[in-house]
């Protein structure tokens, strides 16, 4: 560690000790102007044998215990680096060098699991219902939902997931280590929008190192740190993926993509379904959305694909027009230029074997031919006559005439229906 960085850290340690309580908020705001302080603190945390590590951890805990939000966020930005220091020392089986880091992490954990009155917190989360629109989806785009009795009974009901109460911990054990670390990552993810780019980069590096150490991918990443495999849990990986998703959408595309691939690699090896589900969902959404912006400044956000909320009518919607068109429509039937019905390109004449047509007009009149060879539609509406030849040689021509006559009648009925509907709308 350079002497200049050591001097910056020592000056910072002496400032807060003589600071009155009334000036804590002002001091918290002034920390942003100390650009050399944060890199110097990162160097102290990474050097496990530094003499300044213990006073720095103590100072960071005092910041968090003060209750000032800006000072708490200042401490949280070093959380990924503190977690990696603890896990790497634990893998090296040298617990004596991580005592101050353990005390800091346990202190933050014990402060977060209780409220101001000292009672255990119970965190709750409401699972959104797919039947109600949100910023992520529109119910109409999901598809038709069957209106069963069970679906109607569950409509509008929300499912609430609870976390806690959590037990206080005095020391790290193999049993509770990742329970505590997962909860600390949850607190870190709750303040992601306030984290700096350096902190997000540290989170991505933590994710990659934890997942690849001791596995063949470590050689591909050319990481020469510890070679021991680190035990992880599915919940811990899910919290890592949550932070990686935010880093991906806020300028850390390269590190975030590598970290996400490494976490999915480890989740596949461990067969963690929760981590695989969340990680693959984020990866699929990033393929469809575009991470075009590498801007690390400005408003912090997470990209989502918003469903358009404009009103649409489904192609299968049943309307009066579709019913009217379907009434005379024959599926798979086309009419050629000669007026003959055809299926698959082969003309199929419409032959009435009994000589009596079952079609009726809207006023109830039948379309059956009169004895003189004329139909009511021909005599009353068309004003034309059509002779039906009884000679077998004229059978084809009579079929054509009958098809043409039925086409003209249907067209007139449709025109009358559409005309009456438009008249009704105009009157209204």
Protein backbone atom coordinates (compact mmCIF):
# COMPACT_ATOMS: atom_id res chain seq x y z
CA UNK A 1 0.00 0.00 0.00
CA UNK A 2 1.35 3.43 -0.95
CA UNK A 3 2.18 5.94 1.75
CA UNK A 4 -0.19 8.45 0.17
CA UNK A 5 -3.15 6.06 0.39
CA UNK A 6 -2.22 5.20 3.95
CA UNK A 7 -2.18 8.89 4.85
CA UNK A 8 -5.65 9.39 3.32
CA UNK A 9 -7.08 6.51 5.34
CA UNK A 10 -5.48 7.66 8.59
CA UNK A 11 -6.83 11.17 8.12
CA UNK A 12 -10.29 9.77 7.49
CA UNK A 13 -10.12 7.65 10.65
CA UNK A 14 -9.21 10.63 12.80
CA UNK A 15 -11.93 12.91 11.39
CA UNK A 16 -14.94 10.93 12.49
CA UNK A 17 -13.70 10.38 16.05
CA UNK A 18 -13.75 14.12 16.82
CA UNK A 19 -16.97 14.77 14.89
CA UNK A 20 -19.97 16.01 16.95
CA UNK A 21 -23.33 14.30 16.48
CA UNK A 22 -24.92 17.41 15.01
CA UNK A 23 -22.44 17.43 12.10
CA UNK A 24 -22.85 13.79 11.06
CA UNK A 25 -25.20 14.50 8.14
CA UNK A 26 -22.93 17.28 6.85
CA UNK A 27 -19.93 14.99 7.09
CA UNK A 28 -21.79 12.24 5.21
CA UNK A 29 -22.46 14.60 2.31
CA UNK A 30 -18.80 15.66 2.21
CA UNK A 31 -17.60 12.08 1.65
CA UNK A 32 -18.51 12.32 -2.03
CA UNK A 33 -15.86 15.00 -2.51
CA UNK A 34 -13.07 12.75 -1.23
CA UNK A 35 -12.24 10.98 -4.45
CA UNK A 36 -9.03 9.35 -3.18
CA UNK A 37 -10.65 7.83 -0.10
CA UNK A 38 -12.70 5.05 -1.69
CA UNK A 39 -9.82 3.53 -3.77
CA UNK A 40 -7.57 3.67 -0.70
CA UNK A 41 -10.17 1.79 1.39
CA UNK A 42 -10.49 -0.87 -1.31
CA UNK A 43 -6.73 -1.43 -1.12
CA UNK A 44 -6.89 -1.81 2.66
CA UNK A 45 -9.69 -4.42 2.43
CA UNK A 46 -7.84 -6.41 -0.22
CA UNK A 47 -4.70 -6.58 1.91
CA UNK A 48 -5.70 -9.02 4.62
CA UNK A 49 -2.53 -8.38 6.63
CA UNK A 50 -2.77 -4.59 6.64
CA UNK A 51 -2.51 -2.86 10.00
CA UNK A 52 -5.30 -0.48 8.99
CA UNK A 53 -7.83 -3.24 8.30
CA UNK A 54 -9.14 -3.50 11.85
CA UNK A 55 -9.65 0.26 12.43
CA UNK A 56 -11.23 0.60 8.98
CA UNK A 57 -13.74 -2.17 9.72
CA UNK A 58 -14.53 -0.58 13.06
CA UNK A 59 -15.07 2.80 11.40
CA UNK A 60 -17.35 1.33 8.74
CA UNK A 61 -19.43 -0.33 11.45
CA UNK A 62 -19.76 2.99 13.28
CA UNK A 63 -20.98 4.54 10.05
CA UNK A 64 -23.64 1.88 9.69
CA UNK A 65 -24.71 2.04 13.33
CA UNK A 66 -25.17 5.82 13.14
CA UNK A 67 -28.42 5.33 11.23
CA UNK A 68 -27.57 8.03 8.69
CA UNK A 69 -28.66 6.68 5.25
CA UNK A 70 -25.69 8.18 3.39
CA UNK A 71 -23.19 6.72 5.84
CA UNK A 72 -24.91 3.32 5.63
CA UNK A 73 -24.70 3.39 1.84
CA UNK A 74 -21.04 4.37 2.10
CA UNK A 75 -20.44 1.18 4.08
CA UNK A 76 -22.58 -1.00 1.81
CA UNK A 77 -20.58 -0.12 -1.30
CA UNK A 78 -17.66 -2.17 0.10
CA UNK A 79 -19.86 -5.21 0.83
CA UNK A 80 -18.89 -7.29 -2.29
CA UNK A 81 -15.19 -6.82 -1.54
CA UNK A 82 -15.72 -7.69 2.13
CA UNK A 83 -17.62 -10.87 1.15
CA UNK A 84 -14.83 -11.98 -1.16
CA UNK A 85 -12.19 -11.34 1.49
CA UNK A 86 -14.14 -13.45 3.97
CA UNK A 87 -14.77 -16.34 1.53
CA UNK A 88 -11.21 -16.42 0.21
CA UNK A 89 -9.76 -16.47 3.73
CA UNK A 90 -12.21 -19.19 4.75
CA UNK A 91 -11.17 -21.29 1.75
CA UNK A 92 -7.52 -20.81 2.70
CA UNK A 93 -8.37 -21.94 6.25
CA UNK A 94 -6.75 -18.89 7.83
CA UNK A 95 -9.54 -17.47 10.03
CA UNK A 96 -7.23 -15.31 12.13
CA UNK A 97 -6.87 -12.72 9.38
CA UNK A 98 -10.64 -12.30 8.88
CA UNK A 99 -11.79 -11.69 12.45
CA UNK A 100 -12.46 -7.96 11.98
CA UNK A 101 -14.29 -8.57 8.68
CA UNK A 102 -16.48 -11.21 10.32
CA UNK A 103 -17.30 -8.81 13.15
CA UNK A 104 -18.27 -6.08 10.68
CA UNK A 105 -20.52 -8.34 8.61
CA UNK A 106 -22.19 -9.86 11.66
CA UNK A 107 -22.73 -6.40 13.11
CA UNK A 108 -24.48 -5.18 9.93
CA UNK A 109 -26.58 -8.36 9.84
CA UNK A 110 -27.71 -8.04 13.48
CA UNK A 111 -28.63 -4.39 12.93
CA UNK A 112 -30.71 -5.14 9.83
CA UNK A 113 -32.81 -8.00 11.22
CA UNK A 114 -34.38 -5.83 13.95
CA UNK A 115 -36.36 -2.59 13.82
CA UNK A 116 -35.85 0.57 15.84
CA UNK A 117 -37.59 -0.97 18.85
CA UNK A 118 -35.37 -4.05 18.81
CA UNK A 119 -38.10 -6.37 17.48
CA UNK A 120 -37.37 -8.90 14.75
CA UNK A 121 -38.26 -7.76 11.26
CA UNK A 122 -40.51 -9.81 8.99
CA UNK A 123 -39.94 -8.89 5.36
CA UNK A 124 -42.85 -9.38 2.97
CA UNK A 125 -43.15 -9.42 -0.80
CA UNK A 126 -46.38 -9.51 -2.82
CA UNK A 127 -46.20 -11.74 -5.89
CA UNK A 128 -47.89 -9.89 -8.78
CA UNK A 129 -50.95 -11.49 -10.34
CA UNK A 130 -50.87 -12.23 -14.07
CA UNK A 131 -54.55 -11.31 -14.36
CA UNK A 132 -53.78 -7.67 -13.56
CA UNK A 133 -51.67 -5.42 -15.81
CA UNK A 134 -48.29 -4.19 -14.65
CA UNK A 135 -45.24 -2.45 -16.12
CA UNK A 136 -43.96 -5.88 -17.20
CA UNK A 137 -47.03 -7.40 -18.94
CA UNK A 138 -50.53 -6.99 -20.28
CA UNK A 139 -53.05 -9.77 -19.49
CA UNK A 140 -54.45 -9.59 -23.05
CA UNK A 141 -51.10 -10.62 -24.54
CA UNK A 142 -50.74 -13.78 -22.47
CA UNK A 143 -53.64 -15.54 -24.16
CA UNK A 144 -57.12 -16.60 -23.28
CA UNK A 145 -57.62 -17.63 -19.68
CA UNK A 146 -60.27 -20.23 -19.04
CA UNK A 147 -63.03 -18.84 -16.82
CA UNK A 148 -63.23 -21.84 -14.59
CA UNK A 149 -64.59 -21.83 -11.09
CA UNK A 150 -61.09 -22.03 -9.65
CA UNK A 151 -59.81 -19.17 -11.80
CA UNK A 152 -62.72 -16.93 -10.78
CA UNK A 153 -62.21 -17.82 -7.12
CA UNK A 154 -58.52 -16.85 -7.29
CA UNK A 155 -59.09 -13.70 -9.36
CA UNK A 156 -57.85 -10.64 -7.51
CA UNK A 157 -56.15 -12.65 -4.77
CA UNK A 158 -52.50 -11.80 -4.15
CA UNK A 159 -49.86 -14.10 -2.78
CA UNK A 160 -47.53 -12.69 -0.14
CA UNK A 161 -44.13 -14.23 0.56
CA UNK A 162 -42.55 -13.64 3.98
CA UNK A 163 -38.93 -13.72 5.04
CA UNK A 164 -38.08 -13.85 8.71
CA UNK A 165 -37.87 -13.49 11.57
CA UNK A 166 -34.14 -14.07 11.42
CA UNK A 167 -32.04 -15.25 14.33
CA UNK A 168 -29.18 -13.15 15.65
CA UNK A 169 -25.72 -14.57 15.01
CA UNK A 170 -22.61 -14.13 17.11
CA UNK A 171 -20.19 -16.06 14.93
CA UNK A 172 -19.92 -17.60 11.48
CA UNK A 173 -20.29 -21.37 11.14
CA UNK A 174 -20.45 -23.65 8.15
CA UNK A 175 -24.20 -23.93 8.71
CA UNK A 176 -25.14 -20.25 8.94
CA UNK A 177 -22.46 -18.60 6.78
CA UNK A 178 -24.44 -18.37 3.55
CA UNK A 179 -27.67 -17.59 5.36
CA UNK A 180 -26.04 -14.43 6.71
CA UNK A 181 -24.26 -13.58 3.46
CA UNK A 182 -27.45 -14.01 1.43
CA UNK A 183 -29.31 -11.61 3.72
CA UNK A 184 -26.49 -9.08 3.44
CA UNK A 185 -26.66 -9.28 -0.36
CA UNK A 186 -30.40 -8.68 -0.10
CA UNK A 187 -29.68 -5.45 1.82
CA UNK A 188 -27.07 -4.50 -0.79
CA UNK A 189 -29.50 -5.10 -3.69
CA UNK A 190 -32.06 -2.88 -1.97
CA UNK A 191 -29.63 0.05 -2.37
CA UNK A 192 -28.30 -0.79 -5.85
CA UNK A 193 -29.34 2.54 -7.34
CA UNK A 194 -26.95 4.32 -4.95
CA UNK A 195 -23.93 2.09 -5.63
CA UNK A 196 -20.97 3.41 -7.60
CA UNK A 197 -19.51 1.82 -10.73
CA UNK A 198 -16.56 0.55 -8.69
CA UNK A 199 -18.93 -1.28 -6.36
CA UNK A 200 -20.84 -2.84 -9.26
CA UNK A 201 -17.58 -4.00 -10.81
CA UNK A 202 -16.58 -5.54 -7.48
CA UNK A 203 -19.93 -7.38 -7.37
CA UNK A 204 -19.37 -8.85 -10.85
CA UNK A 205 -15.85 -9.94 -9.92
CA UNK A 206 -17.14 -11.53 -6.72
CA UNK A 207 -19.75 -13.47 -8.69
CA UNK A 208 -17.24 -14.82 -11.19
CA UNK A 209 -14.61 -15.77 -8.62
CA UNK A 210 -17.05 -17.54 -6.30
CA UNK A 211 -18.49 -19.61 -9.15
CA UNK A 212 -15.36 -20.65 -11.09
CA UNK A 213 -12.69 -21.18 -8.43
CA UNK A 214 -11.63 -24.82 -8.42
CA UNK A 215 -13.38 -25.59 -11.73
CA UNK A 216 -12.00 -25.86 -15.30
CA UNK A 217 -13.45 -22.48 -16.21
CA UNK A 218 -10.95 -20.83 -13.86
CA UNK A 219 -8.18 -21.56 -16.34
CA UNK A 220 -10.25 -20.14 -19.18
CA UNK A 221 -10.78 -16.92 -17.21
CA UNK A 222 -7.06 -16.91 -16.32
CA UNK A 223 -7.77 -16.15 -12.70
CA UNK A 224 -4.76 -17.03 -10.54
CA UNK A 225 -6.33 -16.62 -7.13
CA UNK A 226 -7.35 -19.45 -4.85
CA UNK A 227 -7.89 -22.87 -6.40
CA UNK A 228 -10.24 -24.28 -3.76
CA UNK A 229 -13.90 -24.76 -4.56
CA UNK A 230 -16.27 -22.53 -2.61
CA UNK A 231 -19.58 -23.90 -1.40
CA UNK A 232 -22.58 -21.83 -2.52
CA UNK A 233 -26.36 -22.02 -2.14
CA UNK A 234 -29.10 -21.41 -4.66
CA UNK A 235 -30.43 -18.39 -2.73
CA UNK A 236 -26.97 -16.82 -2.68
CA UNK A 237 -26.65 -17.18 -6.47
CA UNK A 238 -30.10 -15.66 -7.01
CA UNK A 239 -29.06 -12.56 -5.07
CA UNK A 240 -25.87 -12.35 -7.12
CA UNK A 241 -27.89 -12.56 -10.35
CA UNK A 242 -30.14 -9.72 -9.16
CA UNK A 243 -27.15 -7.43 -8.72
CA UNK A 244 -25.60 -8.57 -12.01
CA UNK A 245 -28.80 -7.72 -13.85
CA UNK A 246 -28.64 -4.17 -12.56
CA UNK A 247 -24.95 -3.87 -13.43
CA UNK A 248 -25.64 -5.10 -16.98
CA UNK A 249 -28.19 -2.36 -17.56
CA UNK A 250 -26.01 0.39 -16.10
CA UNK A 251 -22.78 0.34 -18.03
CA UNK A 252 -21.05 -2.86 -16.89
CA UNK A 253 -21.90 -4.93 -19.96
CA UNK A 254 -18.64 -6.85 -20.32
CA UNK A 255 -18.11 -7.73 -16.67
CA UNK A 256 -21.82 -8.35 -16.16
CA UNK A 257 -22.09 -10.73 -19.12
CA UNK A 258 -19.09 -12.76 -17.94
CA UNK A 259 -20.42 -12.86 -14.40
CA UNK A 260 -23.87 -14.01 -15.56
CA UNK A 261 -22.33 -16.79 -17.67
CA UNK A 262 -20.19 -17.91 -14.74
CA UNK A 263 -23.13 -18.01 -12.35
CA UNK A 264 -25.19 -20.04 -14.83
CA UNK A 265 -22.19 -22.34 -15.32
CA UNK A 266 -22.05 -23.02 -11.59
CA UNK A 267 -25.83 -23.35 -11.30
CA UNK A 268 -25.79 -26.03 -14.00
CA UNK A 269 -23.07 -27.94 -12.18
CA UNK A 270 -24.92 -27.73 -8.87
CA UNK A 271 -28.37 -28.26 -10.46
CA UNK A 272 -29.91 -25.20 -8.79
CA UNK A 273 -33.34 -24.69 -10.45
CA UNK A 274 -34.03 -21.25 -8.94
CA UNK A 275 -30.74 -19.77 -10.11
CA UNK A 276 -31.10 -21.35 -13.56
CA UNK A 277 -34.63 -20.01 -13.95
CA UNK A 278 -33.78 -16.43 -12.98
CA UNK A 279 -30.46 -16.37 -14.83
CA UNK A 280 -31.82 -17.78 -18.10
CA UNK A 281 -34.82 -15.43 -17.94
CA UNK A 282 -32.52 -12.43 -17.62
CA UNK A 283 -30.26 -13.72 -20.37
CA UNK A 284 -33.21 -14.18 -22.73
CA UNK A 285 -34.54 -10.71 -22.00
CA UNK A 286 -31.13 -9.19 -22.66
CA UNK A 287 -30.98 -10.90 -26.06
CA UNK A 288 -34.33 -9.42 -27.12
CA UNK A 289 -33.74 -6.01 -25.56
CA UNK A 290 -30.75 -3.99 -26.68
CA UNK A 291 -27.98 -2.97 -24.32
CA UNK A 292 -27.01 -0.18 -26.64
CA UNK A 293 -26.12 2.34 -23.97
CA UNK A 294 -22.82 2.01 -22.15
CA UNK A 295 -23.37 5.26 -20.32
CA UNK A 296 -22.40 4.87 -16.67
CA UNK A 297 -23.68 8.29 -15.68
CA UNK A 298 -27.20 9.61 -15.33
CA UNK A 299 -30.27 7.92 -13.95
CA UNK A 300 -29.91 4.35 -12.77
CA UNK A 301 -32.42 1.89 -14.14
CA UNK A 302 -33.13 -1.65 -15.31
CA UNK A 303 -34.28 -2.20 -18.88
CA UNK A 304 -37.61 -3.96 -19.31
CA UNK A 305 -39.62 -4.68 -22.44
CA UNK A 306 -42.90 -2.81 -21.99
CA UNK A 307 -46.00 -4.32 -23.58
CA UNK A 308 -47.99 -1.75 -25.60
CA UNK A 309 -51.25 -0.83 -23.90
CA UNK A 310 -53.13 0.29 -27.01
CA UNK A 311 -56.55 -1.27 -27.43
CA UNK A 312 -56.63 -4.06 -29.95
CA UNK A 313 -59.35 -6.30 -31.36
CA UNK A 314 -58.37 -9.92 -31.70
CA UNK A 315 -58.58 -11.51 -35.11
CA UNK A 316 -60.83 -14.14 -33.60
CA UNK A 317 -63.16 -11.62 -31.97
CA UNK A 318 -66.83 -12.30 -32.74
CA UNK A 319 -68.52 -9.24 -34.25
CA UNK A 320 -71.69 -8.68 -36.26
CA UNK A 321 -69.64 -8.28 -39.40
CA UNK A 322 -67.76 -11.55 -38.85
CA UNK A 323 -71.04 -13.41 -38.20
CA UNK A 324 -72.61 -11.98 -41.38
CA UNK A 325 -69.58 -12.95 -43.43
CA UNK A 326 -69.37 -16.40 -41.87
CA UNK A 327 -73.06 -17.04 -42.56
CA UNK A 328 -72.51 -17.40 -46.29
CA UNK A 329 -68.95 -18.58 -46.16
CA UNK A 330 -68.04 -22.13 -47.02
CA UNK A 331 -64.70 -23.23 -45.64
CA UNK A 332 -62.18 -24.14 -48.31
CA UNK A 333 -64.55 -23.05 -51.10
CA UNK A 334 -63.68 -20.64 -53.89
CA UNK A 335 -65.61 -19.44 -56.91
CA UNK A 336 -64.00 -19.36 -60.34
CA UNK A 337 -64.62 -16.87 -63.10
CA UNK A 338 -67.52 -18.89 -64.51
CA UNK A 339 -69.35 -18.73 -61.18
CA UNK A 340 -68.69 -22.37 -60.24
CA UNK A 341 -67.77 -23.36 -56.70
CA UNK A 342 -64.37 -25.01 -56.52
CA UNK A 343 -62.47 -26.86 -53.78
CA UNK A 344 -58.73 -27.31 -54.30
CA UNK A 345 -58.98 -25.99 -57.85
CA UNK A 346 -61.63 -28.58 -58.97
CA UNK A 347 -65.02 -27.20 -59.95
CA UNK A 348 -67.84 -28.70 -57.88
CA UNK A 349 -71.30 -27.65 -59.04
CA UNK A 350 -74.03 -27.07 -56.49
CA UNK A 351 -76.73 -29.53 -57.48
CA UNK A 352 -80.12 -29.68 -55.87
CA UNK A 353 -81.26 -33.26 -56.25
CA UNK A 354 -84.83 -32.73 -55.09
CA UNK A 355 -85.28 -29.50 -57.01
CA UNK A 356 -86.21 -27.70 -53.78
CA UNK A 357 -83.84 -25.18 -52.23
CA UNK A 358 -83.69 -24.86 -48.48
CA UNK A 359 -82.35 -21.29 -48.48
CA UNK A 360 -84.66 -18.55 -47.34
CA UNK A 361 -84.72 -14.82 -47.65
CA UNK A 362 -84.66 -12.55 -44.62
CA UNK A 363 -88.44 -11.89 -45.03
CA UNK A 364 -89.19 -15.63 -44.89
CA UNK A 365 -89.75 -16.22 -48.63
CA UNK A 366 -88.34 -19.38 -50.06
CA UNK A 367 -85.87 -19.46 -52.92
CA UNK A 368 -87.51 -22.51 -54.50
CA UNK A 369 -88.29 -22.02 -58.23
CA UNK A 370 -91.81 -21.29 -59.41
CA UNK A 371 -93.62 -23.55 -61.89
CA UNK A 372 -92.78 -21.16 -64.69
CA UNK A 373 -89.08 -21.49 -63.94
CA UNK A 374 -88.70 -18.17 -62.09
CA UNK A 375 -87.87 -17.71 -58.43
CA UNK A 376 -89.36 -15.04 -56.14
CA UNK A 377 -86.00 -13.36 -55.95
CA UNK A 378 -85.83 -13.18 -59.75
CA UNK A 379 -89.32 -11.82 -60.08
CA UNK A 380 -89.44 -9.41 -57.16
CA UNK A 381 -85.92 -8.14 -56.64
CA UNK A 382 -83.90 -8.81 -59.74
CA UNK A 383 -86.63 -8.17 -62.25
CA UNK A 384 -85.17 -10.82 -64.51
CA UNK A 385 -86.16 -14.33 -65.56
CA UNK A 386 -84.11 -17.45 -65.73
CA UNK A 387 -85.34 -20.46 -67.60
CA UNK A 388 -84.34 -23.78 -66.10
CA UNK A 389 -83.99 -26.35 -68.81
CA UNK A 390 -85.21 -29.81 -68.05
CA UNK A 391 -83.28 -31.20 -70.95
CA UNK A 392 -80.25 -33.24 -69.76
CA UNK A 393 -78.16 -31.60 -72.47
CA UNK A 394 -78.78 -28.21 -70.90
CA UNK A 395 -78.03 -29.44 -67.36
CA UNK A 396 -74.62 -27.76 -67.12
CA UNK A 397 -75.92 -24.39 -68.27
CA UNK A 398 -78.80 -24.56 -65.80
CA UNK A 399 -76.34 -25.25 -62.97
CA UNK A 400 -74.31 -22.19 -63.93
CA UNK A 401 -77.42 -20.04 -64.05
CA UNK A 402 -78.52 -21.32 -60.64
CA UNK A 403 -75.11 -20.58 -59.09
CA UNK A 404 -75.07 -17.08 -60.56
CA UNK A 405 -78.58 -16.42 -59.32
CA UNK A 406 -77.71 -17.56 -55.79
CA UNK A 407 -74.60 -15.37 -55.81
CA UNK A 408 -76.60 -12.28 -56.79
CA UNK A 409 -79.19 -13.01 -54.09
CA UNK A 410 -76.54 -13.41 -51.41
CA UNK A 411 -74.82 -10.21 -52.48
CA UNK A 412 -78.09 -8.31 -52.27
CA UNK A 413 -78.85 -9.72 -48.82
CA UNK A 414 -75.42 -8.70 -47.55
CA UNK A 415 -75.84 -5.21 -49.03
CA UNK A 416 -79.23 -4.84 -47.38
CA UNK A 417 -77.81 -6.02 -44.02
CA UNK A 418 -74.89 -3.60 -44.12
CA UNK A 419 -77.18 -0.78 -45.25
CA UNK A 420 -79.59 -1.34 -42.38
CA UNK A 421 -76.73 -1.43 -39.88
CA UNK A 422 -75.28 1.84 -41.16
CA UNK A 423 -78.77 3.43 -41.12
CA UNK A 424 -79.18 2.42 -37.49
CA UNK A 425 -75.84 3.92 -36.58
CA UNK A 426 -76.71 7.17 -38.38
CA UNK A 427 -80.03 7.39 -36.57
CA UNK A 428 -78.30 6.87 -33.26
